[in-house]
N, C-alpha and C. Protein backbone atom coordinates (compact mmCIF):
# COMPACT_ATOMS: atom_id res chain seq x y z
N MET A 1 0.77 -0.88 0.47
CA MET A 1 0.38 -0.01 -0.17
C MET A 1 1.04 1.48 0.17
N ASN A 2 0.21 2.13 -0.82
CA ASN A 2 1.66 3.22 -0.81
C ASN A 2 1.40 4.52 0.10
N ILE A 3 2.37 4.92 0.25
CA ILE A 3 1.99 5.85 1.41
C ILE A 3 1.20 6.79 2.19
N TRP A 4 0.78 7.61 0.27
CA TRP A 4 -0.29 8.51 0.62
C TRP A 4 -1.91 7.58 1.14
N LEU A 5 -1.94 6.45 0.80
CA LEU A 5 -2.94 5.74 0.87
C LEU A 5 -3.29 5.44 2.44
N ARG A 6 -1.79 4.53 3.01
CA ARG A 6 -1.70 4.92 4.41
C ARG A 6 -2.19 6.19 5.38
N GLY A 7 -1.59 6.93 5.05
CA GLY A 7 -1.93 8.37 5.75
C GLY A 7 -3.24 8.65 5.51
N MET A 8 -3.64 8.68 4.43
CA MET A 8 -5.32 9.11 4.45
C MET A 8 -6.10 8.16 5.36
N ILE A 9 -5.90 6.24 5.45
CA ILE A 9 -6.35 6.25 6.27
C ILE A 9 -6.28 6.28 7.22
N THR A 10 -5.35 6.53 7.95
CA THR A 10 -4.57 7.54 9.30
C THR A 10 -5.65 8.05 9.51
N VAL A 11 -5.82 9.32 9.29
CA VAL A 11 -6.14 10.53 9.12
C VAL A 11 -7.87 10.70 9.47
N LEU A 12 -8.41 9.90 8.34
CA LEU A 12 -9.52 9.35 8.67
C LEU A 12 -10.13 8.01 10.13
N ILE A 13 -8.75 7.61 10.15
CA ILE A 13 -9.36 6.44 11.52
C ILE A 13 -9.45 8.06 12.46
N LEU A 14 -8.49 8.62 13.06
CA LEU A 14 -7.70 9.74 13.59
C LEU A 14 -8.98 10.54 13.84
N THR A 15 -9.65 11.17 12.72
CA THR A 15 -10.81 11.91 12.43
C THR A 15 -12.39 11.42 13.20
N TYR A 16 -12.17 10.02 13.03
CA TYR A 16 -13.54 9.46 13.31
C TYR A 16 -13.86 9.20 15.34
N LEU A 17 -12.17 8.47 15.22
CA LEU A 17 -12.59 8.55 16.77
C LEU A 17 -11.78 9.60 17.69
N GLY A 18 -11.69 11.40 17.11
CA GLY A 18 -11.73 12.38 18.01
C GLY A 18 -12.80 12.81 17.74
N GLY A 19 -13.58 12.33 16.46
CA GLY A 19 -15.18 12.58 16.88
C GLY A 19 -16.30 11.69 17.95
N CYS A 20 -15.30 10.97 18.04
CA CYS A 20 -16.27 9.94 19.33
C CYS A 20 -15.99 10.63 20.69
N SER A 21 -17.42 10.31 21.46
CA SER A 21 -17.30 10.91 23.08
C SER A 21 -17.30 10.21 24.16
N ASP A 22 -17.10 10.40 24.89
CA ASP A 22 -16.35 8.88 26.20
C ASP A 22 -18.14 9.49 27.09
N PRO A 23 -18.72 8.26 26.66
CA PRO A 23 -20.21 8.14 27.31
C PRO A 23 -20.41 8.38 28.87
N ALA A 24 -19.00 8.49 29.79
CA ALA A 24 -19.29 8.92 30.83
C ALA A 24 -19.13 10.04 30.76
N THR A 25 -18.04 10.47 30.12
CA THR A 25 -18.75 12.36 29.97
C THR A 25 -20.03 12.78 29.85
N GLU A 26 -20.66 12.11 29.09
CA GLU A 26 -21.47 12.52 28.64
C GLU A 26 -23.02 12.24 29.76
N ARG A 27 -22.94 11.18 30.22
CA ARG A 27 -23.66 11.15 31.39
C ARG A 27 -23.55 11.97 32.50
N GLN A 28 -22.01 12.64 33.02
CA GLN A 28 -21.89 13.08 33.94
C GLN A 28 -22.40 14.41 33.11
N GLN A 29 -22.17 15.18 32.45
CA GLN A 29 -22.92 16.43 32.14
C GLN A 29 -24.31 16.25 31.88
N ALA A 30 -25.18 15.29 31.42
CA ALA A 30 -26.29 14.92 31.55
C ALA A 30 -26.85 15.20 32.87
N SER A 31 -26.26 15.04 33.75
CA SER A 31 -26.80 14.90 35.12
C SER A 31 -26.83 15.81 35.70
N GLN A 32 -25.91 17.22 35.55
CA GLN A 32 -25.38 17.91 35.73
C GLN A 32 -25.91 19.39 35.51
N MET A 33 -27.02 19.05 34.35
CA MET A 33 -27.25 20.63 33.51
C MET A 33 -28.32 21.09 34.48
N ASN A 34 -28.90 21.01 35.48
CA ASN A 34 -29.24 21.62 36.16
C ASN A 34 -28.06 21.86 37.65
N GLY A 35 -27.43 21.18 37.55
CA GLY A 35 -26.47 21.02 38.78
C GLY A 35 -27.06 19.92 39.61
N LEU A 36 -27.94 18.98 39.17
CA LEU A 36 -28.06 17.91 39.62
C LEU A 36 -26.87 17.18 39.95
N ASP A 37 -26.76 16.03 40.57
CA ASP A 37 -25.94 14.73 39.99
C ASP A 37 -26.63 13.33 40.75
N ASN A 38 -27.18 13.11 40.10
CA ASN A 38 -27.70 11.64 39.98
C ASN A 38 -28.81 11.73 41.69
N ALA A 39 -29.80 13.15 41.54
CA ALA A 39 -30.31 12.92 42.55
C ALA A 39 -31.49 12.89 42.14
N THR A 40 -32.47 12.26 43.33
CA THR A 40 -33.92 11.98 42.95
C THR A 40 -34.90 13.09 43.67
N ASP A 41 -34.18 13.53 44.61
CA ASP A 41 -34.95 14.50 45.30
C ASP A 41 -34.01 16.20 44.69
N MET A 42 -34.45 17.02 44.27
CA MET A 42 -33.86 18.61 43.90
C MET A 42 -35.09 19.46 44.30
N ASP A 43 -35.14 20.29 45.14
CA ASP A 43 -35.95 21.26 45.75
C ASP A 43 -34.83 23.12 45.65
N THR A 44 -35.14 23.50 44.77
CA THR A 44 -34.42 24.60 44.75
C THR A 44 -35.67 26.03 45.30
N ALA A 45 -35.04 27.19 44.86
CA ALA A 45 -36.21 28.39 44.97
C ALA A 45 -37.55 28.10 44.27
N ALA A 46 -37.52 27.46 42.97
CA ALA A 46 -38.46 27.93 42.29
C ALA A 46 -38.69 26.50 41.57
N VAL A 47 -38.44 25.29 41.65
CA VAL A 47 -38.22 24.26 41.23
C VAL A 47 -38.24 22.88 42.32
N LYS A 48 -39.05 22.40 42.63
CA LYS A 48 -38.72 20.80 43.74
C LYS A 48 -39.15 19.48 42.67
N PHE A 49 -38.51 18.32 42.70
CA PHE A 49 -38.85 17.35 42.03
C PHE A 49 -38.38 16.68 42.83
N SER A 50 -39.21 15.41 42.66
CA SER A 50 -39.20 14.36 43.41
C SER A 50 -39.80 12.96 43.07
N ILE A 51 -39.11 11.72 43.26
CA ILE A 51 -39.26 10.81 42.26
C ILE A 51 -39.62 9.84 43.38
N THR A 52 -40.36 8.69 43.23
CA THR A 52 -40.96 8.08 44.00
C THR A 52 -41.15 5.88 42.96
N PRO A 53 -40.41 5.24 43.58
CA PRO A 53 -39.39 5.54 44.43
C PRO A 53 -38.60 5.77 44.57
N ALA A 54 -37.46 5.90 45.69
CA ALA A 54 -36.04 6.49 45.59
C ALA A 54 -35.47 5.93 44.48
N ARG A 55 -35.41 4.46 44.39
CA ARG A 55 -34.68 3.26 43.86
C ARG A 55 -35.59 2.77 42.84
N PRO A 56 -35.62 3.92 41.83
CA PRO A 56 -36.46 3.00 40.78
C PRO A 56 -35.84 1.91 39.75
N GLN A 57 -37.20 0.30 39.58
CA GLN A 57 -36.54 -0.45 39.00
C GLN A 57 -37.26 -0.43 37.33
N PRO A 58 -36.65 -1.12 36.58
CA PRO A 58 -37.24 -1.05 35.05
C PRO A 58 -38.47 -1.96 35.06
N GLU A 59 -39.60 -1.65 34.97
CA GLU A 59 -41.47 -2.45 34.78
C GLU A 59 -41.89 -2.46 36.17
N GLN A 60 -41.68 -1.61 36.46
CA GLN A 60 -42.26 -1.36 38.08
C GLN A 60 -42.90 -0.05 37.64
N PRO A 61 -43.37 0.92 38.18
CA PRO A 61 -44.43 2.12 38.52
C PRO A 61 -43.61 3.15 38.78
N ILE A 62 -42.99 4.07 38.00
CA ILE A 62 -42.13 4.88 38.60
C ILE A 62 -43.07 6.68 38.91
N SER A 63 -42.90 7.44 40.00
CA SER A 63 -43.93 8.26 39.60
C SER A 63 -43.07 9.34 39.71
N ILE A 64 -43.77 10.68 39.59
CA ILE A 64 -42.50 11.95 39.76
C ILE A 64 -43.82 13.09 40.30
N GLN A 65 -43.06 13.42 41.33
CA GLN A 65 -43.58 15.29 41.42
C GLN A 65 -42.99 16.42 41.74
N LEU A 66 -43.74 17.27 40.50
CA LEU A 66 -42.92 18.78 39.56
C LEU A 66 -43.29 19.63 40.77
N THR A 67 -43.13 20.56 41.23
CA THR A 67 -43.86 21.76 41.68
C THR A 67 -42.62 22.81 40.89
N LEU A 68 -43.79 23.49 40.60
CA LEU A 68 -43.42 24.89 39.78
C LEU A 68 -43.33 26.33 40.42
N PRO A 69 -43.52 26.78 39.79
CA PRO A 69 -44.32 28.39 39.96
C PRO A 69 -45.68 28.42 39.69
N ALA A 70 -46.52 29.09 39.85
CA ALA A 70 -48.04 28.65 39.86
C ALA A 70 -48.25 29.26 38.54
N ASP A 71 -47.66 30.07 37.62
CA ASP A 71 -47.64 30.79 36.20
C ASP A 71 -46.10 29.88 35.31
N TRP A 72 -45.52 28.50 36.11
CA TRP A 72 -45.12 27.83 34.86
C TRP A 72 -45.66 26.70 34.27
N GLN A 73 -45.76 25.77 33.33
CA GLN A 73 -46.72 24.81 32.84
C GLN A 73 -45.22 23.96 31.84
N PRO A 74 -45.63 22.63 32.85
CA PRO A 74 -45.00 21.48 32.02
C PRO A 74 -45.55 21.53 30.62
N GLN A 75 -44.66 21.41 29.65
CA GLN A 75 -45.35 20.37 28.45
C GLN A 75 -45.44 18.94 28.23
N ALA A 76 -45.05 18.33 27.16
CA ALA A 76 -45.16 17.05 26.81
C ALA A 76 -44.07 16.91 27.14
N SER A 77 -43.03 16.25 27.85
CA SER A 77 -41.88 15.94 28.44
C SER A 77 -41.44 14.77 27.13
N GLN A 78 -40.03 14.24 27.32
CA GLN A 78 -39.28 13.25 26.70
C GLN A 78 -38.60 12.31 28.44
N LEU A 79 -39.00 11.51 28.10
CA LEU A 79 -37.82 10.51 28.91
C LEU A 79 -36.24 10.06 27.69
N VAL A 80 -35.14 9.93 27.92
CA VAL A 80 -33.91 9.74 26.80
C VAL A 80 -33.64 8.40 27.85
N ALA A 81 -33.29 7.83 27.36
CA ALA A 81 -32.08 6.97 27.53
C ALA A 81 -30.88 7.33 27.22
N ILE A 82 -29.93 6.93 28.33
CA ILE A 82 -28.39 7.90 28.38
C ILE A 82 -27.02 6.62 28.36
N THR A 83 -27.45 5.17 28.85
CA THR A 83 -26.53 4.28 29.05
C THR A 83 -26.42 3.78 27.90
N MET A 84 -27.79 3.28 27.28
CA MET A 84 -27.93 2.86 25.79
C MET A 84 -29.01 3.55 25.46
N TYR A 85 -28.74 2.97 24.11
CA TYR A 85 -29.73 3.31 23.15
C TYR A 85 -31.02 2.70 23.32
N MET A 86 -31.89 2.92 23.81
CA MET A 86 -33.36 2.50 24.09
C MET A 86 -34.57 3.28 23.71
N GLY A 87 -34.19 4.40 22.86
CA GLY A 87 -35.06 5.49 22.40
C GLY A 87 -35.94 6.55 23.32
N SER A 88 -36.45 6.91 23.37
CA SER A 88 -37.49 7.93 24.23
C SER A 88 -38.81 7.86 24.19
N LEU A 89 -39.35 8.00 25.64
CA LEU A 89 -40.71 7.57 26.12
C LEU A 89 -41.68 8.75 26.37
N PRO A 90 -42.35 8.92 25.56
CA PRO A 90 -43.28 10.21 25.61
C PRO A 90 -43.75 10.36 27.87
N VAL A 91 -44.15 11.80 27.77
CA VAL A 91 -44.03 12.13 29.47
C VAL A 91 -44.77 13.09 29.84
N VAL A 92 -46.14 12.05 29.67
CA VAL A 92 -47.50 13.64 30.17
C VAL A 92 -47.16 14.06 31.58
N TRP A 93 -47.44 15.61 31.95
CA TRP A 93 -48.12 15.85 33.56
C TRP A 93 -49.52 15.61 33.03
N GLU A 94 -49.74 15.98 34.47
CA GLU A 94 -51.00 15.88 35.21
C GLU A 94 -51.78 16.97 36.29
N ALA A 95 -52.09 18.40 36.11
CA ALA A 95 -51.83 18.81 37.03
C ALA A 95 -52.76 18.31 38.36
N ASP A 96 -52.19 18.75 39.71
CA ASP A 96 -52.09 18.02 41.13
C ASP A 96 -53.79 19.53 40.93
N ASP A 97 -53.79 19.11 42.55
CA ASP A 97 -55.35 20.11 43.54
C ASP A 97 -54.32 21.01 43.90
N SER A 98 -53.03 21.15 43.87
CA SER A 98 -53.00 22.39 44.32
C SER A 98 -51.33 23.02 42.77
N ALA A 99 -52.12 24.71 42.95
CA ALA A 99 -51.37 24.92 42.21
C ALA A 99 -49.80 25.22 42.28
N GLY A 100 -49.39 25.01 40.48
CA GLY A 100 -48.53 24.38 40.13
C GLY A 100 -47.66 23.18 40.08
N VAL A 101 -48.45 22.39 41.46
CA VAL A 101 -47.52 20.68 41.19
C VAL A 101 -48.13 20.27 40.40
N TRP A 102 -47.84 19.47 39.99
CA TRP A 102 -47.61 18.46 38.82
C TRP A 102 -47.36 16.80 38.86
N HIS A 103 -47.44 16.01 38.19
CA HIS A 103 -47.22 14.70 38.59
C HIS A 103 -47.42 13.78 37.17
N THR A 104 -46.44 12.79 36.84
CA THR A 104 -46.71 11.54 36.04
C THR A 104 -46.45 10.48 36.23
N THR A 105 -46.44 9.58 36.05
CA THR A 105 -46.33 8.11 36.30
C THR A 105 -45.91 7.03 35.33
N PHE A 106 -45.10 6.30 34.98
CA PHE A 106 -44.18 6.11 33.80
C PHE A 106 -43.79 3.95 34.32
N GLN A 107 -43.55 3.58 33.33
CA GLN A 107 -42.37 1.99 33.41
C GLN A 107 -41.17 2.33 32.28
N VAL A 108 -40.77 2.20 32.77
CA VAL A 108 -39.42 1.93 31.86
C VAL A 108 -39.35 0.36 31.73
N GLY A 109 -38.47 -0.54 30.28
CA GLY A 109 -37.79 -1.13 29.89
C GLY A 109 -37.05 -1.97 30.74
N ALA A 110 -36.76 -3.01 30.78
CA ALA A 110 -35.52 -3.46 31.35
C ALA A 110 -34.64 -3.73 30.19
N CYS A 111 -32.68 -3.57 30.79
CA CYS A 111 -31.99 -3.68 29.85
C CYS A 111 -31.03 -4.89 29.95
N ALA A 112 -29.90 -5.16 30.18
CA ALA A 112 -28.73 -5.84 30.29
C ALA A 112 -28.10 -4.86 31.58
N GLU A 113 -27.64 -4.01 31.51
CA GLU A 113 -27.07 -2.60 32.11
C GLU A 113 -28.19 -3.30 33.30
N PRO A 114 -27.16 -2.93 34.91
CA PRO A 114 -27.47 -3.13 36.58
C PRO A 114 -28.42 -1.44 36.24
N GLN A 115 -27.53 -0.80 35.93
CA GLN A 115 -27.98 0.69 36.03
C GLN A 115 -28.17 1.04 35.34
N MET A 116 -29.40 1.70 34.80
CA MET A 116 -29.34 2.47 33.49
C MET A 116 -30.17 3.78 33.87
N GLU A 117 -28.96 4.74 33.00
CA GLU A 117 -29.20 6.15 33.33
C GLU A 117 -30.40 6.93 32.50
N TRP A 118 -30.81 7.80 32.72
CA TRP A 118 -32.04 8.47 31.73
C TRP A 118 -31.90 9.85 32.12
N GLN A 119 -32.65 10.56 30.76
CA GLN A 119 -33.02 11.96 31.30
C GLN A 119 -34.16 12.38 31.19
N LEU A 120 -35.22 13.08 32.00
CA LEU A 120 -36.11 13.53 31.67
C LEU A 120 -36.01 14.97 31.43
N ARG A 121 -36.24 15.25 29.65
CA ARG A 121 -36.19 16.51 29.22
C ARG A 121 -37.54 17.42 29.71
N VAL A 122 -37.94 18.17 29.94
CA VAL A 122 -38.87 18.82 31.14
C VAL A 122 -39.18 20.22 29.71
N PRO A 123 -40.42 20.63 28.62
CA PRO A 123 -40.18 21.94 28.58
C PRO A 123 -41.07 22.68 29.26
N LEU A 124 -40.93 24.13 29.24
CA LEU A 124 -41.90 24.29 30.42
C LEU A 124 -42.35 25.70 29.23
N GLN A 125 -43.72 26.03 29.75
CA GLN A 125 -44.32 27.61 29.16
C GLN A 125 -44.57 28.20 31.11
N THR A 126 -43.61 29.52 30.30
CA THR A 126 -43.21 30.81 31.52
C THR A 126 -43.65 31.97 30.40
N PRO A 127 -43.73 32.71 31.93
CA PRO A 127 -44.20 33.94 31.48
C PRO A 127 -43.18 34.95 30.68
N HIS A 128 -41.92 33.80 30.13
CA HIS A 128 -40.58 34.59 30.28
C HIS A 128 -40.75 34.06 28.83
N GLY A 129 -41.41 32.74 28.07
CA GLY A 129 -41.43 31.97 27.34
C GLY A 129 -41.42 30.79 27.37
N GLN A 130 -40.54 30.05 26.40
CA GLN A 130 -40.80 28.07 26.43
C GLN A 130 -39.02 28.29 27.33
N GLU A 131 -38.58 27.58 28.60
CA GLU A 131 -37.10 27.36 29.66
C GLU A 131 -37.27 25.48 28.95
N PHE A 132 -35.64 25.25 29.59
CA PHE A 132 -36.64 23.76 29.43
C PHE A 132 -35.69 23.50 30.78
N LEU A 133 -35.72 22.25 31.87
CA LEU A 133 -35.02 21.37 32.20
C LEU A 133 -34.94 20.29 32.65
N PHE A 134 -33.57 19.84 32.90
CA PHE A 134 -33.12 18.14 32.49
C PHE A 134 -33.17 17.88 34.29
N PHE A 135 -33.74 16.40 33.88
CA PHE A 135 -33.32 16.22 34.82
C PHE A 135 -32.76 14.54 34.94
N PRO A 136 -31.82 13.96 35.67
CA PRO A 136 -31.05 12.77 35.94
C PRO A 136 -32.47 11.39 35.97
N LEU A 137 -32.36 10.25 35.92
CA LEU A 137 -32.86 9.45 36.95
C LEU A 137 -32.42 8.13 36.26
N ILE A 138 -31.96 7.26 37.61
CA ILE A 138 -31.57 6.53 37.24
C ILE A 138 -32.79 4.89 37.99
N THR A 139 -32.32 3.93 36.89
CA THR A 139 -33.17 2.60 37.67
C THR A 139 -32.35 1.53 37.29
N TYR A 140 -32.42 0.47 38.67
CA TYR A 140 -31.36 -0.36 39.12
C TYR A 140 -32.65 -1.53 39.05
N ILE A 141 -31.11 -2.60 38.16
CA ILE A 141 -32.08 -3.99 38.47
C ILE A 141 -32.36 -4.75 39.85
N GLY A 142 -33.22 -4.83 40.32
CA GLY A 142 -32.93 -5.61 41.95
C GLY A 142 -31.78 -4.62 42.77
N ASP A 143 -31.48 -5.20 43.51
CA ASP A 143 -30.90 -4.52 44.72
C ASP A 143 -29.53 -3.67 44.71
N VAL A 144 -29.26 -3.41 43.12
CA VAL A 144 -27.63 -3.31 42.62
C VAL A 144 -27.29 -1.90 43.47
N TYR A 145 -26.23 -1.81 44.08
CA TYR A 145 -25.89 -0.47 44.65
C TYR A 145 -25.06 -0.16 44.10
N GLU A 146 -24.84 1.09 43.62
CA GLU A 146 -23.40 2.22 43.47
C GLU A 146 -22.43 1.76 44.26
């Protein structure tokens, strides 16, 4: 094989590898978008986010309560698989009796991973226009601990 062709193949391989990203870094960035680090509860001045159960498992109901300022409304959301490709699930919010309190319940499928990381992407309608919140969610198969 001539030197020019070998050089081009090397450049293509390095370009391809340079474009790949580290999955651990992507998961960490996804978890920290709102200053969260794999939290099942988040409470700030404006937003409260709570997952039940605290250690959700696949193929079991997972409930989320989201408390927002009264003039904010969550829109149709998505739960996106981060650890491995499993597509995304639609998440629909229902208003609670209390102003600004929303809830949803869903299930995720099981996979071969003992821990599966997901990201809940919540578009919000606010008085200032559309905003987005991102929340990490980890499901555990059985009694797997970090």
